[in-house]
Amino acid sequence: MLAKKIFLFFIILNWSIFISAQSEGLRIIYIIHGDGNYLFHDEEGNAMNAAEIIIEQSKYVAENINKGEVFIFYQKPASNFLFFAKDDGEFYYYQNGVKVSEESYSRKNAVDFEIEAGLIRKYSESSTEEMKNIFLYYGHEIPLQKSFGYHSSYFEKEFDINFFADGVKNLITTLNSSEDKFDLIVLSTCRNGNRETISALSTFTNYLLASPGDIHLSYLNSESLISLSKKKSLDIYYLAKQFAQSAFEKLSGETSTEIHINVYNLRNISEKEEPAITEFYRAPKFGRKNSSLK
């Protein structure tokens, strides 16, 4: 009887190892910009913060990615305690669905995601196994020209798509990967599906998901990553397309505004070439069905 139990144990163990070996891991980086006006009101008139809702969703995704690692950065408005500045950045690190670390940090003198890159370098899993690298940015439209005031707490800081691209480059250098690009960058921002953004990011990602128009509350639902992470083999174009379709369908059920989400294929394109585009579009309707995020 004991021998039979041992035999069954090894069968289950070997099967688990086999299944694990068949599935690729995901390395997901969220940067959620909350240092701006992200307030809205639900149907009952209650004030809500879209950035805080996105934080909770990203944690839910992280808790359900069973193979891989998830980094979550929340850039909060600055505040003081008495005469002392409080940290205005939150960081969460998950590995195989388990929260490993939670820290705070200061963004005051930081540029180009250098603090975020340092924390990724500190915690990123050292492994010979390749993972798909995905970067999601949630925030307002990234300006194409140098602008001030993007960060409400640091109005004097300049910011534009080139500053953003420099930050993306810093993130890439921290990855334990043979690749020098992200597999996918998701911009959950308004009006960044344009030539300038594509040009600035084309050397840093194989695929870009962005909107040429407005996105309701700058919000693309990312929960589809949970089911997609369970696929035995992850084709990144399939993942990007399914992510876009899922986010599109969520928005279609919640709003009546125009919805326009594109997946841009930036693999091996020259500066003069136009990227192949997979488009999800719905014309605007009047009014808004539902102002809540789910």
C-alpha atoms as a PDB file:
ATOM      1  CA  MET A   1       0.000   0.000   0.000  1.00  0.00           C
ATOM      2  CA  LEU A   2       2.837   2.363   0.889  1.00  0.00           C
ATOM      3  CA  ALA A   3       4.640   1.551  -2.359  1.00  0.00           C
ATOM      4  CA  LYS A   4       1.471   2.360  -4.312  1.00  0.00           C
ATOM      5  CA  LYS A   5       1.136   5.750  -2.581  1.00  0.00           C
ATOM      6  CA  ILE A   6       4.774   6.566  -3.314  1.00  0.00           C
ATOM      7  CA  PHE A   7       4.272   5.549  -6.951  1.00  0.00           C
ATOM      8  CA  LEU A   8       1.212   7.800  -7.255  1.00  0.00           C
ATOM      9  CA  PHE A   9       3.077  10.667  -5.587  1.00  0.00           C
ATOM     10  CA  PHE A  10       5.860  10.535  -8.166  1.00  0.00           C
ATOM     11  CA  ILE A  11       3.373  10.360 -11.022  1.00  0.00           C
ATOM     12  CA  ILE A  12       1.632  13.530  -9.764  1.00  0.00           C
ATOM     13  CA  LEU A  13       4.978  15.251  -9.117  1.00  0.00           C
ATOM     14  CA  ASN A  14       6.313  14.455 -12.579  1.00  0.00           C
ATOM     15  CA  TRP A  15       3.053  15.543 -14.181  1.00  0.00           C
ATOM     16  CA  SER A  16       3.204  18.867 -12.328  1.00  0.00           C
ATOM     17  CA  ILE A  17       6.771  19.393 -13.478  1.00  0.00           C
ATOM     18  CA  PHE A  18       5.773  18.520 -17.039  1.00  0.00           C
ATOM     19  CA  ILE A  19       2.854  20.973 -17.031  1.00  0.00           C
ATOM     20  CA  SER A  20       5.065  23.697 -15.560  1.00  0.00           C
ATOM     21  CA  ALA A  21       7.689  23.095 -18.223  1.00  0.00           C
ATOM     22  CA  GLN A  22       5.098  23.445 -20.954  1.00  0.00           C
ATOM     23  CA  SER A  23       3.948  26.920 -19.917  1.00  0.00           C
ATOM     24  CA  GLU A  24       5.971  30.105 -20.265  1.00  0.00           C
ATOM     25  CA  GLY A  25       6.186  32.629 -17.478  1.00  0.00           C
ATOM     26  CA  LEU A  26       5.202  36.292 -17.607  1.00  0.00           C
ATOM     27  CA  ARG A  27       7.170  39.213 -16.255  1.00  0.00           C
ATOM     28  CA  ILE A  28       4.665  42.056 -15.905  1.00  0.00           C
ATOM     29  CA  ILE A  29       5.508  45.627 -14.913  1.00  0.00           C
ATOM     30  CA  TYR A  30       2.728  48.054 -13.994  1.00  0.00           C
ATOM     31  CA  ILE A  31       3.401  51.753 -13.569  1.00  0.00           C
ATOM     32  CA  ILE A  32       0.245  53.538 -12.470  1.00  0.00           C
ATOM     33  CA  HIS A  33       0.417  57.319 -12.546  1.00  0.00           C
ATOM     34  CA  GLY A  34      -1.875  58.638  -9.833  1.00  0.00           C
ATOM     35  CA  ASP A  35      -0.286  62.066  -9.438  1.00  0.00           C
ATOM     36  CA  GLY A  36      -2.968  63.885 -11.403  1.00  0.00           C
ATOM     37  CA  ASN A  37      -6.715  64.319 -11.587  1.00  0.00           C
ATOM     38  CA  TYR A  38      -8.154  60.799 -11.743  1.00  0.00           C
ATOM     39  CA  LEU A  39     -11.323  61.496  -9.783  1.00  0.00           C
ATOM     40  CA  PHE A  40     -14.757  60.556 -11.079  1.00  0.00           C
ATOM     41  CA  HIS A  41     -18.201  59.956  -9.571  1.00  0.00           C
ATOM     42  CA  ASP A  42     -20.139  56.722  -9.619  1.00  0.00           C
ATOM     43  CA  GLU A  43     -23.876  56.450 -10.280  1.00  0.00           C
ATOM     44  CA  GLU A  44     -24.647  57.259  -6.633  1.00  0.00           C
ATOM     45  CA  GLY A  45     -22.523  60.414  -6.793  1.00  0.00           C
ATOM     46  CA  ASN A  46     -19.678  59.020  -4.695  1.00  0.00           C
ATOM     47  CA  ALA A  47     -16.212  60.384  -5.475  1.00  0.00           C
ATOM     48  CA  MET A  48     -13.889  57.657  -6.745  1.00  0.00           C
ATOM     49  CA  ASN A  49     -10.236  57.558  -7.732  1.00  0.00           C
ATOM     50  CA  ALA A  50      -9.612  55.640 -10.964  1.00  0.00           C
ATOM     51  CA  ALA A  51      -5.900  55.147 -10.206  1.00  0.00           C
ATOM     52  CA  GLU A  52      -6.667  53.470  -6.879  1.00  0.00           C
ATOM     53  CA  ILE A  53      -9.132  51.125  -8.569  1.00  0.00           C
ATOM     54  CA  ILE A  54      -6.492  50.185 -11.140  1.00  0.00           C
ATOM     55  CA  ILE A  55      -4.035  49.473  -8.296  1.00  0.00           C
ATOM     56  CA  GLU A  56      -6.455  46.990  -6.777  1.00  0.00           C
ATOM     57  CA  GLN A  57      -7.003  45.304 -10.128  1.00  0.00           C
ATOM     58  CA  SER A  58      -3.261  45.002 -10.747  1.00  0.00           C
ATOM     59  CA  LYS A  59      -2.861  43.322  -7.348  1.00  0.00           C
ATOM     60  CA  TYR A  60      -5.638  40.898  -8.238  1.00  0.00           C
ATOM     61  CA  VAL A  61      -3.867  40.046 -11.491  1.00  0.00           C
ATOM     62  CA  ALA A  62      -0.556  39.592  -9.632  1.00  0.00           C
ATOM     63  CA  GLU A  63      -2.147  37.221  -7.120  1.00  0.00           C
ATOM     64  CA  ASN A  64      -3.414  35.027  -9.955  1.00  0.00           C
ATOM     65  CA  ILE A  65      -0.319  34.836 -12.171  1.00  0.00           C
ATOM     66  CA  ASN A  66       0.921  31.438 -11.033  1.00  0.00           C
ATOM     67  CA  LYS A  67       4.109  31.404 -13.076  1.00  0.00           C
ATOM     68  CA  GLY A  68       6.194  34.536 -13.346  1.00  0.00           C
ATOM     69  CA  GLU A  69       6.652  37.817 -11.545  1.00  0.00           C
ATOM     70  CA  VAL A  70       4.685  41.053 -11.309  1.00  0.00           C
ATOM     71  CA  PHE A  71       6.011  44.487 -10.341  1.00  0.00           C
ATOM     72  CA  ILE A  72       3.478  47.183  -9.422  1.00  0.00           C
ATOM     73  CA  PHE A  73       4.414  50.842  -8.990  1.00  0.00           C
ATOM     74  CA  TYR A  74       1.916  53.453  -7.874  1.00  0.00           C
ATOM     75  CA  GLN A  75       3.001  57.081  -8.302  1.00  0.00           C
ATOM     76  CA  LYS A  76       0.893  58.938  -5.726  1.00  0.00           C
ATOM     77  CA  PRO A  77       0.347  62.640  -5.076  1.00  0.00           C
ATOM     78  CA  ALA A  78       2.964  64.017  -2.674  1.00  0.00           C
ATOM     79  CA  SER A  79       1.921  64.819   0.890  1.00  0.00           C
ATOM     80  CA  ASN A  80       3.513  65.864   4.187  1.00  0.00           C
ATOM     81  CA  PHE A  81       3.386  64.683   7.776  1.00  0.00           C
ATOM     82  CA  LEU A  82       4.001  67.752   9.914  1.00  0.00           C
ATOM     83  CA  PHE A  83       7.094  69.268   8.240  1.00  0.00           C
ATOM     84  CA  PHE A  84       8.307  66.051   6.648  1.00  0.00           C
ATOM     85  CA  ALA A  85       7.604  64.850   3.115  1.00  0.00           C
ATOM     86  CA  LYS A  86       6.017  61.405   2.996  1.00  0.00           C
ATOM     87  CA  ASP A  87       6.995  58.837   0.401  1.00  0.00           C
ATOM     88  CA  ASP A  88       4.857  59.256  -2.712  1.00  0.00           C
ATOM     89  CA  GLY A  89       5.535  55.947  -4.404  1.00  0.00           C
ATOM     90  CA  GLU A  90       4.245  52.480  -3.558  1.00  0.00           C
ATOM     91  CA  PHE A  91       5.881  49.275  -4.777  1.00  0.00           C
ATOM     92  CA  TYR A  92       4.588  45.691  -4.704  1.00  0.00           C
ATOM     93  CA  TYR A  93       6.427  42.608  -5.923  1.00  0.00           C
ATOM     94  CA  TYR A  94       4.748  39.246  -6.545  1.00  0.00           C
ATOM     95  CA  GLN A  95       6.372  35.980  -7.537  1.00  0.00           C
ATOM     96  CA  ASN A  96       4.252  33.051  -8.725  1.00  0.00           C
ATOM     97  CA  GLY A  97       1.135  34.655  -7.248  1.00  0.00           C
ATOM     98  CA  VAL A  98       2.658  35.363  -3.815  1.00  0.00           C
ATOM     99  CA  LYS A  99       3.465  38.862  -2.543  1.00  0.00           C
ATOM    100  CA  VAL A 100       7.182  38.927  -1.722  1.00  0.00           C
ATOM    101  CA  SER A 101       7.713  42.616  -0.955  1.00  0.00           C
ATOM    102  CA  GLU A 102       5.861  45.858  -0.318  1.00  0.00           C
ATOM    103  CA  GLU A 103       7.811  49.118  -0.040  1.00  0.00           C
ATOM    104  CA  SER A 104       7.407  52.865  -0.310  1.00  0.00           C
ATOM    105  CA  TYR A 105       9.778  55.242  -2.072  1.00  0.00           C
ATOM    106  CA  SER A 106      10.201  58.919  -2.868  1.00  0.00           C
ATOM    107  CA  ARG A 107       9.736  60.255  -6.393  1.00  0.00           C
ATOM    108  CA  LYS A 108      10.848  63.806  -5.598  1.00  0.00           C
ATOM    109  CA  ASN A 109      14.249  63.791  -7.314  1.00  0.00           C
ATOM    110  CA  ALA A 110      13.695  60.816  -9.583  1.00  0.00           C
ATOM    111  CA  VAL A 111      13.674  60.905 -13.377  1.00  0.00           C
ATOM    112  CA  ASP A 112      13.232  58.380 -16.176  1.00  0.00           C
ATOM    113  CA  PHE A 113      11.790  55.625 -13.955  1.00  0.00           C
ATOM    114  CA  GLU A 114      15.217  55.246 -12.316  1.00  0.00           C
ATOM    115  CA  ILE A 115      13.770  54.372  -8.886  1.00  0.00           C
ATOM    116  CA  GLU A 116      11.397  51.840 -10.424  1.00  0.00           C
ATOM    117  CA  ALA A 117      14.242  50.328 -12.465  1.00  0.00           C
ATOM    118  CA  GLY A 118      16.370  50.006  -9.324  1.00  0.00           C
ATOM    119  CA  LEU A 119      13.631  48.118  -7.481  1.00  0.00           C
ATOM    120  CA  ILE A 120      13.121  45.771 -10.428  1.00  0.00           C
ATOM    121  CA  ARG A 121      16.863  45.101 -10.500  1.00  0.00           C
ATOM    122  CA  LYS A 122      16.795  44.399  -6.763  1.00  0.00           C
ATOM    123  CA  TYR A 123      14.010  41.833  -6.853  1.00  0.00           C
ATOM    124  CA  SER A 124      13.827  40.423 -10.369  1.00  0.00           C
ATOM    125  CA  GLU A 125      14.061  36.669 -10.423  1.00  0.00           C
ATOM    126  CA  SER A 126      17.397  35.335 -11.671  1.00  0.00           C
ATOM    127  CA  SER A 127      16.550  32.491 -14.000  1.00  0.00           C
ATOM    128  CA  THR A 128      17.853  30.972 -17.192  1.00  0.00           C
ATOM    129  CA  GLU A 129      14.241  30.524 -18.286  1.00  0.00           C
ATOM    130  CA  GLU A 130      12.999  33.144 -20.703  1.00  0.00           C
ATOM    131  CA  MET A 131       9.789  34.963 -19.826  1.00  0.00           C
ATOM    132  CA  LYS A 132       7.521  37.209 -21.841  1.00  0.00           C
ATOM    133  CA  ASN A 133       8.098  40.808 -20.735  1.00  0.00           C
ATOM    134  CA  ILE A 134       5.065  43.089 -20.610  1.00  0.00           C
ATOM    135  CA  PHE A 135       4.962  46.726 -19.510  1.00  0.00           C
ATOM    136  CA  LEU A 136       1.662  48.459 -18.747  1.00  0.00           C
ATOM    137  CA  TYR A 137       1.459  52.198 -18.176  1.00  0.00           C
ATOM    138  CA  TYR A 138      -1.727  53.805 -16.830  1.00  0.00           C
ATOM    139  CA  GLY A 139      -1.979  57.572 -16.893  1.00  0.00           C
ATOM    140  CA  HIS A 140      -3.030  60.677 -18.774  1.00  0.00           C
ATOM    141  CA  GLU A 141      -2.019  61.281 -22.374  1.00  0.00           C
ATOM    142  CA  ILE A 142       1.780  61.377 -22.658  1.00  0.00           C
ATOM    143  CA  PRO A 143       2.570  64.747 -24.290  1.00  0.00           C
ATOM    144  CA  LEU A 144       4.487  64.755 -27.569  1.00  0.00           C
ATOM    145  CA  GLN A 145       6.251  68.032 -26.767  1.00  0.00           C
ATOM    146  CA  LYS A 146       8.080  68.992 -23.582  1.00  0.00           C
ATOM    147  CA  SER A 147       5.444  70.011 -21.053  1.00  0.00           C
ATOM    148  CA  PHE A 148       5.152  70.985 -17.418  1.00  0.00           C
ATOM    149  CA  GLY A 149       2.501  69.929 -14.932  1.00  0.00           C
ATOM    150  CA  TYR A 150       2.001  66.283 -15.916  1.00  0.00           C
ATOM    151  CA  HIS A 151       2.868  65.402 -12.329  1.00  0.00           C
ATOM    152  CA  SER A 152       0.650  67.558 -10.114  1.00  0.00           C
ATOM    153  CA  SER A 153       3.041  67.339  -7.171  1.00  0.00           C
ATOM    154  CA  TYR A 154       6.055  68.345  -9.251  1.00  0.00           C
ATOM    155  CA  PHE A 155       4.705  70.908 -11.654  1.00  0.00           C
ATOM    156  CA  GLU A 156       8.221  72.082 -12.560  1.00  0.00           C
ATOM    157  CA  LYS A 157       9.264  68.689 -13.923  1.00  0.00           C
ATOM    158  CA  GLU A 158       9.408  68.381 -17.691  1.00  0.00           C
ATOM    159  CA  PHE A 159       7.757  65.370 -19.296  1.00  0.00           C
ATOM    160  CA  ASP A 160       7.062  64.172 -22.814  1.00  0.00           C
ATOM    161  CA  ILE A 161       7.213  61.026 -24.940  1.00  0.00           C
ATOM    162  CA  ASN A 162      11.023  61.212 -25.134  1.00  0.00           C
ATOM    163  CA  PHE A 163      11.364  61.353 -21.331  1.00  0.00           C
ATOM    164  CA  PHE A 164       8.969  58.412 -21.199  1.00  0.00           C
ATOM    165  CA  ALA A 165      11.018  56.470 -23.788  1.00  0.00           C
ATOM    166  CA  ASP A 166      14.192  57.075 -21.757  1.00  0.00           C
ATOM    167  CA  GLY A 167      12.378  55.611 -18.761  1.00  0.00           C
ATOM    168  CA  VAL A 168      11.308  52.563 -20.767  1.00  0.00           C
ATOM    169  CA  LYS A 169      14.928  52.056 -21.799  1.00  0.00           C
ATOM    170  CA  ASN A 170      15.967  52.085 -18.127  1.00  0.00           C
ATOM    171  CA  LEU A 171      13.360  49.438 -17.341  1.00  0.00           C
ATOM    172  CA  ILE A 172      14.586  47.181 -20.152  1.00  0.00           C
ATOM    173  CA  THR A 173      18.164  47.202 -18.847  1.00  0.00           C
ATOM    174  CA  THR A 174      16.971  45.638 -15.570  1.00  0.00           C
ATOM    175  CA  LEU A 175      15.385  42.583 -17.161  1.00  0.00           C
ATOM    176  CA  ASN A 176      17.070  39.212 -16.810  1.00  0.00           C
ATOM    177  CA  SER A 177      16.525  38.454 -20.451  1.00  0.00           C
ATOM    178  CA  SER A 178      18.437  37.954 -23.668  1.00  0.00           C
ATOM    179  CA  GLU A 179      16.026  40.370 -25.311  1.00  0.00           C
ATOM    180  CA  ASP A 180      16.652  44.103 -25.501  1.00  0.00           C
ATOM    181  CA  LYS A 181      12.951  44.874 -25.972  1.00  0.00           C
ATOM    182  CA  PHE A 182       9.673  44.375 -24.236  1.00  0.00           C
ATOM    183  CA  ASP A 183       7.455  41.835 -25.928  1.00  0.00           C
ATOM    184  CA  LEU A 184       4.489  44.147 -25.391  1.00  0.00           C
ATOM    185  CA  ILE A 185       3.938  47.675 -24.114  1.00  0.00           C
ATOM    186  CA  VAL A 186       0.390  48.678 -23.195  1.00  0.00           C
ATOM    187  CA  LEU A 187      -0.358  52.403 -22.975  1.00  0.00           C
ATOM    188  CA  SER A 188      -3.600  52.876 -21.103  1.00  0.00           C
ATOM    189  CA  THR A 189      -3.586  56.574 -21.961  1.00  0.00           C
ATOM    190  CA  CYS A 190      -5.541  58.818 -24.281  1.00  0.00           C
ATOM    191  CA  ARG A 191      -4.410  59.688 -27.811  1.00  0.00           C
ATOM    192  CA  ASN A 192      -0.998  57.986 -27.777  1.00  0.00           C
ATOM    193  CA  GLY A 193      -1.698  55.739 -30.752  1.00  0.00           C
ATOM    194  CA  ASN A 194       0.211  58.079 -33.103  1.00  0.00           C
ATOM    195  CA  ARG A 195       3.340  58.295 -35.259  1.00  0.00           C
ATOM    196  CA  GLU A 196       5.405  60.142 -32.661  1.00  0.00           C
ATOM    197  CA  THR A 197       4.742  57.592 -29.925  1.00  0.00           C
ATOM    198  CA  ILE A 198       5.367  54.682 -32.278  1.00  0.00           C
ATOM    199  CA  SER A 199       8.644  56.239 -33.416  1.00  0.00           C
ATOM    200  CA  ALA A 200       9.807  56.866 -29.833  1.00  0.00           C
ATOM    201  CA  LEU A 201       9.014  53.328 -28.631  1.00  0.00           C
ATOM    202  CA  SER A 202       9.676  51.215 -31.739  1.00  0.00           C
ATOM    203  CA  THR A 203      13.191  50.270 -30.586  1.00  0.00           C
ATOM    204  CA  PHE A 204      11.931  49.187 -27.161  1.00  0.00           C
ATOM    205  CA  THR A 205       9.035  46.819 -27.909  1.00  0.00           C
ATOM    206  CA  ASN A 206       7.861  44.251 -30.428  1.00  0.00           C
ATOM    207  CA  TYR A 207       4.207  45.179 -30.034  1.00  0.00           C
ATOM    208  CA  LEU A 208       2.503  48.346 -28.824  1.00  0.00           C
ATOM    209  CA  LEU A 209      -1.108  48.536 -27.676  1.00  0.00           C
ATOM    210  CA  ALA A 210      -2.443  52.100 -27.632  1.00  0.00           C
ATOM    211  CA  SER A 211      -5.444  54.240 -28.485  1.00  0.00           C
ATOM    212  CA  PRO A 212      -5.530  56.994 -31.139  1.00  0.00           C
ATOM    213  CA  GLY A 213      -8.499  58.487 -29.288  1.00  0.00           C
ATOM    214  CA  ASP A 214      -9.751  58.955 -25.749  1.00  0.00           C
ATOM    215  CA  ILE A 215     -10.042  56.099 -23.259  1.00  0.00           C
ATOM    216  CA  HIS A 216     -12.700  56.410 -20.581  1.00  0.00           C
ATOM    217  CA  LEU A 217     -10.766  57.243 -17.374  1.00  0.00           C
ATOM    218  CA  SER A 218      -7.562  56.091 -19.150  1.00  0.00           C
ATOM    219  CA  TYR A 219      -8.600  52.582 -18.214  1.00  0.00           C
ATOM    220  CA  LEU A 220      -7.850  49.321 -20.051  1.00  0.00           C
ATOM    221  CA  ASN A 221      -8.859  46.250 -18.062  1.00  0.00           C
ATOM    222  CA  SER A 222      -5.893  43.878 -17.629  1.00  0.00           C
ATOM    223  CA  GLU A 223      -7.582  40.867 -16.015  1.00  0.00           C
ATOM    224  CA  SER A 224      -7.328  38.896 -19.269  1.00  0.00           C
ATOM    225  CA  LEU A 225      -3.634  38.403 -18.427  1.00  0.00           C
ATOM    226  CA  ILE A 226      -4.700  35.824 -15.829  1.00  0.00           C
ATOM    227  CA  SER A 227      -6.257  33.411 -18.307  1.00  0.00           C
ATOM    228  CA  LEU A 228      -3.649  34.182 -20.957  1.00  0.00           C
ATOM    229  CA  SER A 229      -0.852  33.322 -18.513  1.00  0.00           C
ATOM    230  CA  LYS A 230      -2.189  29.769 -18.308  1.00  0.00           C
ATOM    231  CA  LYS A 231      -1.557  29.080 -21.991  1.00  0.00           C
ATOM    232  CA  LYS A 232       1.115  26.439 -22.554  1.00  0.00           C
ATOM    233  CA  SER A 233       2.786  28.484 -25.250  1.00  0.00           C
ATOM    234  CA  LEU A 234       2.460  32.257 -25.392  1.00  0.00           C
ATOM    235  CA  ASP A 235       2.460  33.820 -28.828  1.00  0.00           C
ATOM    236  CA  ILE A 236       2.868  37.486 -28.028  1.00  0.00           C
ATOM    237  CA  TYR A 237       0.729  38.727 -30.925  1.00  0.00           C
ATOM    238  CA  TYR A 238      -2.096  36.440 -29.799  1.00  0.00           C
ATOM    239  CA  LEU A 239      -1.689  37.720 -26.231  1.00  0.00           C
ATOM    240  CA  ALA A 240      -1.739  41.371 -27.365  1.00  0.00           C
ATOM    241  CA  LYS A 241      -4.787  40.806 -29.574  1.00  0.00           C
ATOM    242  CA  GLN A 242      -6.713  38.981 -26.833  1.00  0.00           C
ATOM    243  CA  PHE A 243      -5.801  41.649 -24.276  1.00  0.00           C
ATOM    244  CA  ALA A 244      -7.055  44.385 -26.620  1.00  0.00           C
ATOM    245  CA  GLN A 245     -10.259  42.522 -27.429  1.00  0.00           C
ATOM    246  CA  SER A 246     -11.025  41.870 -23.753  1.00  0.00           C
ATOM    247  CA  ALA A 247     -10.383  45.520 -22.790  1.00  0.00           C
ATOM    248  CA  PHE A 248     -12.466  46.681 -25.768  1.00  0.00           C
ATOM    249  CA  GLU A 249     -15.409  44.494 -24.756  1.00  0.00           C
ATOM    250  CA  LYS A 250     -15.237  45.725 -21.155  1.00  0.00           C
ATOM    251  CA  LEU A 251     -15.324  49.346 -22.268  1.00  0.00           C
ATOM    252  CA  SER A 252     -18.115  48.611 -24.745  1.00  0.00           C
ATOM    253  CA  GLY A 253     -20.276  47.341 -21.896  1.00  0.00           C
ATOM    254  CA  GLU A 254     -19.556  50.298 -19.608  1.00  0.00           C
ATOM    255  CA  THR A 255     -19.478  53.386 -21.823  1.00  0.00           C
ATOM    256  CA  SER A 256     -21.163  54.911 -24.845  1.00  0.00           C
ATOM    257  CA  THR A 257     -18.179  57.001 -25.905  1.00  0.00           C
ATOM    258  CA  GLU A 258     -15.983  56.200 -28.894  1.00  0.00           C
ATOM    259  CA  ILE A 259     -13.658  53.262 -28.308  1.00  0.00           C
ATOM    260  CA  HIS A 260     -10.543  52.854 -30.418  1.00  0.00           C
ATOM    261  CA  ILE A 261      -7.762  50.413 -29.458  1.00  0.00           C
ATOM    262  CA  ASN A 262      -4.945  49.398 -31.791  1.00  0.00           C
ATOM    263  CA  VAL A 263      -2.268  46.736 -31.651  1.00  0.00           C
ATOM    264  CA  TYR A 264       0.815  47.895 -33.583  1.00  0.00           C
ATOM    265  CA  ASN A 265       3.291  45.311 -34.834  1.00  0.00           C
ATOM    266  CA  LEU A 266       6.699  46.988 -34.483  1.00  0.00           C
ATOM    267  CA  ARG A 267       8.865  43.942 -35.108  1.00  0.00           C
ATOM    268  CA  ASN A 268      11.648  44.563 -37.604  1.00  0.00           C
ATOM    269  CA  ILE A 269      10.156  47.714 -39.119  1.00  0.00           C
ATOM    270  CA  SER A 270      12.263  50.537 -40.461  1.00  0.00           C
ATOM    271  CA  GLU A 271      11.645  54.216 -39.732  1.00  0.00           C
ATOM    272  CA  LYS A 272       9.942  54.681 -43.101  1.00  0.00           C
ATOM    273  CA  GLU A 273       7.648  51.675 -42.799  1.00  0.00           C
ATOM    274  CA  GLU A 274       4.111  51.814 -41.456  1.00  0.00           C
ATOM    275  CA  PRO A 275       3.417  49.168 -38.780  1.00  0.00           C
ATOM    276  CA  ALA A 276       0.766  46.509 -39.306  1.00  0.00           C
ATOM    277  CA  ILE A 277      -2.273  47.418 -37.204  1.00  0.00           C
ATOM    278  CA  THR A 278      -4.973  45.256 -35.638  1.00  0.00           C
ATOM    279  CA  GLU A 279      -7.852  47.607 -34.880  1.00  0.00           C
ATOM    280  CA  PHE A 280     -10.774  47.487 -32.460  1.00  0.00           C
ATOM    281  CA  TYR A 281     -13.238  50.320 -33.005  1.00  0.00           C
ATOM    282  CA  ARG A 282     -16.745  51.332 -31.982  1.00  0.00           C
ATOM    283  CA  ALA A 283     -18.359  54.621 -32.972  1.00  0.00           C
ATOM    284  CA  PRO A 284     -19.621  56.860 -30.145  1.00  0.00           C
ATOM    285  CA  LYS A 285     -23.134  56.698 -28.811  1.00  0.00           C
ATOM    286  CA  PHE A 286     -24.921  59.413 -26.867  1.00  0.00           C
ATOM    287  CA  GLY A 287     -24.433  59.617 -23.119  1.00  0.00           C
ATOM    288  CA  ARG A 288     -22.686  57.127 -20.906  1.00  0.00           C
ATOM    289  CA  LYS A 289     -24.076  53.814 -19.735  1.00  0.00           C
ATOM    290  CA  ASN A 290     -22.101  53.329 -16.577  1.00  0.00           C
ATOM    291  CA  SER A 291     -19.375  55.343 -14.885  1.00  0.00           C
ATOM    292  CA  SER A 292     -18.197  52.558 -12.587  1.00  0.00           C
ATOM    293  CA  LEU A 293     -15.076  50.445 -13.138  1.00  0.00           C
ATOM    294  CA  LYS A 294     -15.360  46.714 -12.678  1.00  0.00           C
END
